[in-house]
Protein backbone atom coordinates (compact mmCIF):
# COMPACT_ATOMS: atom_id res chain seq x y z
CA MET A 1 18.75 4.78 4.55
CA ILE A 2 20.96 4.35 1.51
CA GLY A 3 22.56 0.90 1.40
CA SER A 4 21.75 -2.68 2.32
CA TRP A 5 19.83 -3.70 5.44
CA GLU A 6 18.62 -6.91 7.07
CA GLY A 7 16.39 -7.84 9.96
CA GLU A 8 13.58 -10.02 11.25
CA ALA A 9 9.87 -9.23 10.93
CA VAL A 10 6.52 -10.84 10.09
CA GLY A 11 7.94 -14.25 10.95
CA GLY A 12 10.84 -14.19 8.52
CA SER A 13 14.08 -12.64 7.36
CA VAL A 14 13.84 -9.25 5.66
CA ARG A 15 16.45 -7.73 3.33
CA GLU A 16 16.32 -4.23 1.89
CA ILE A 17 18.43 -2.26 -0.55
CA TRP A 18 17.94 1.52 -0.89
CA THR A 19 19.52 3.47 -3.74
CA ASN A 20 20.94 6.96 -3.85
CA PRO A 21 18.29 9.48 -4.91
CA GLY A 22 18.18 10.07 -8.64
CA GLY A 23 15.66 11.03 -11.28
CA ASP A 24 13.48 12.67 -8.62
CA ALA A 25 13.06 9.37 -6.74
CA MET A 26 14.70 7.06 -4.25
CA ILE A 27 14.13 3.33 -4.82
CA GLY A 28 14.02 0.46 -2.36
CA ILE A 29 13.82 -3.28 -3.01
CA ILE A 30 12.66 -5.54 -0.19
CA SER A 31 12.36 -9.30 0.18
CA LEU A 32 10.81 -11.49 2.87
CA VAL A 33 12.05 -15.09 3.24
CA LYS A 34 10.55 -17.75 5.56
CA ASP A 35 11.91 -21.28 5.90
CA SER A 36 14.50 -20.55 3.17
CA LYS A 37 11.74 -19.72 0.65
CA PRO A 38 10.75 -16.29 -0.69
CA VAL A 39 7.34 -15.07 0.51
CA PHE A 40 7.16 -11.77 -1.36
CA TYR A 41 9.14 -8.92 -2.86
CA GLU A 42 8.38 -5.20 -2.79
CA ILE A 43 9.53 -2.24 -4.81
CA HIS A 44 9.32 1.10 -2.99
CA THR A 45 9.79 4.62 -4.26
CA PHE A 46 9.99 7.93 -2.46
CA THR A 47 8.66 10.46 -4.95
CA GLU A 48 7.12 13.91 -4.97
CA GLU A 49 3.77 14.38 -6.69
CA GLU A 50 1.97 17.71 -6.74
CA ASN A 51 4.30 19.03 -3.99
CA VAL A 52 3.54 16.05 -1.74
CA LEU A 53 6.09 13.42 -0.70
CA LEU A 54 4.80 9.88 -1.22
CA LEU A 55 6.10 6.45 -0.36
CA LYS A 56 4.70 4.19 -3.07
CA LEU A 57 5.07 0.44 -3.16
CA LYS A 58 4.05 -2.61 -5.09
CA HIS A 59 4.09 -6.20 -3.80
CA PHE A 60 5.08 -9.23 -5.87
CA ASP A 61 4.80 -12.93 -5.12
CA PRO A 62 7.83 -15.23 -5.63
CA ASN A 63 6.91 -15.55 -9.34
CA LEU A 64 6.90 -11.73 -9.68
CA VAL A 65 3.13 -11.55 -10.06
CA SER A 66 1.86 -8.27 -8.63
CA ARG A 67 -0.51 -8.39 -5.67
CA GLU A 68 -1.89 -4.98 -6.63
CA GLU A 69 -3.78 -4.40 -9.84
CA LYS A 70 -1.62 -3.45 -12.82
CA GLU A 71 -2.17 0.32 -12.53
CA LYS A 72 -2.36 0.44 -8.71
CA THR A 73 0.21 1.01 -5.97
CA THR A 74 -0.03 1.16 -2.21
CA ASP A 75 0.67 4.76 -1.23
CA PHE A 76 1.74 6.30 2.07
CA LEU A 77 1.46 10.09 2.36
CA PHE A 78 4.25 11.93 4.19
CA ILE A 79 2.96 13.50 7.41
CA MET A 80 5.93 14.94 9.33
CA THR A 81 9.40 14.46 10.78
CA GLU A 82 10.15 14.45 14.48
CA ALA A 83 13.70 13.99 15.80
CA ASN A 84 14.88 10.78 14.10
CA ARG A 85 11.42 9.68 12.89
CA PHE A 86 9.78 10.12 9.49
CA TYR A 87 6.00 9.63 9.63
CA PHE A 88 3.94 8.48 6.68
CA SER A 89 0.27 7.45 6.75
CA GLY A 90 0.61 3.83 7.86
CA GLU A 91 4.41 3.57 8.03
CA THR A 92 7.07 5.23 10.18
CA PHE A 93 10.86 5.10 9.80
CA GLU A 94 13.10 5.67 12.81
CA LYS A 95 16.87 6.07 12.72
CA VAL A 96 17.97 4.30 15.91
CA GLY A 97 21.71 4.66 15.29
CA PRO A 98 24.14 4.97 12.40
CA ASP A 99 23.65 1.30 11.53
CA GLN A 100 20.15 0.62 12.88
CA MET A 101 16.70 1.56 11.62
CA HIS A 102 13.24 0.58 12.81
CA MET A 103 10.20 0.60 10.55
CA PHE A 104 6.73 0.54 12.05
CA LEU A 105 4.05 -0.69 9.67
CA ALA A 106 0.29 -0.65 10.33
CA LEU A 107 -1.10 -3.93 8.98
CA THR A 108 -4.82 -4.57 8.64
CA GLN A 109 -6.22 -8.09 8.46
CA ASP A 110 -9.83 -9.15 9.05
CA ASP A 111 -10.75 -5.53 9.94
CA LYS A 112 -8.14 -5.50 12.74
CA THR A 113 -5.06 -3.30 12.60
CA HIS A 114 -1.81 -4.05 14.39
CA GLU A 115 1.67 -2.59 14.22
CA GLU A 116 4.53 -4.71 12.89
CA VAL A 117 8.06 -3.62 13.83
CA PHE A 118 10.95 -4.23 11.45
CA LYS A 119 14.26 -3.93 13.33
CA MET A 120 16.87 -3.48 10.63
CA ARG A 121 20.66 -3.37 10.77
CA ARG A 122 22.94 -1.98 8.08
CA LEU A 123 24.99 -4.48 6.08
CA ASN A 124 27.11 -1.84 4.31
């Protein structure tokens, strides 16, 4: 996962950068661009809290205003690994090849949930 990635999802172009683990966390920065304009940014962290692995994220609009309340994050609890898949509550990461990764995200809108697939390819 470490490195830069790009792909198409949710009607736009997605770019991600994942850092080497350090300070008991791994950090990811994600952007979504549609029609050459930023839609949102996200900051992700993989951290361990009380012996539980969490994927925590916070969304920001193009002006860097948080979508979540100041003290809140969106959290995904680690469930299990299976072959090349890492399952979290609401998000799954799959290593498809050395330079390809798929992310499956459960999105809920108007009380309906659907799965969005992010097909990512490594840039470096």
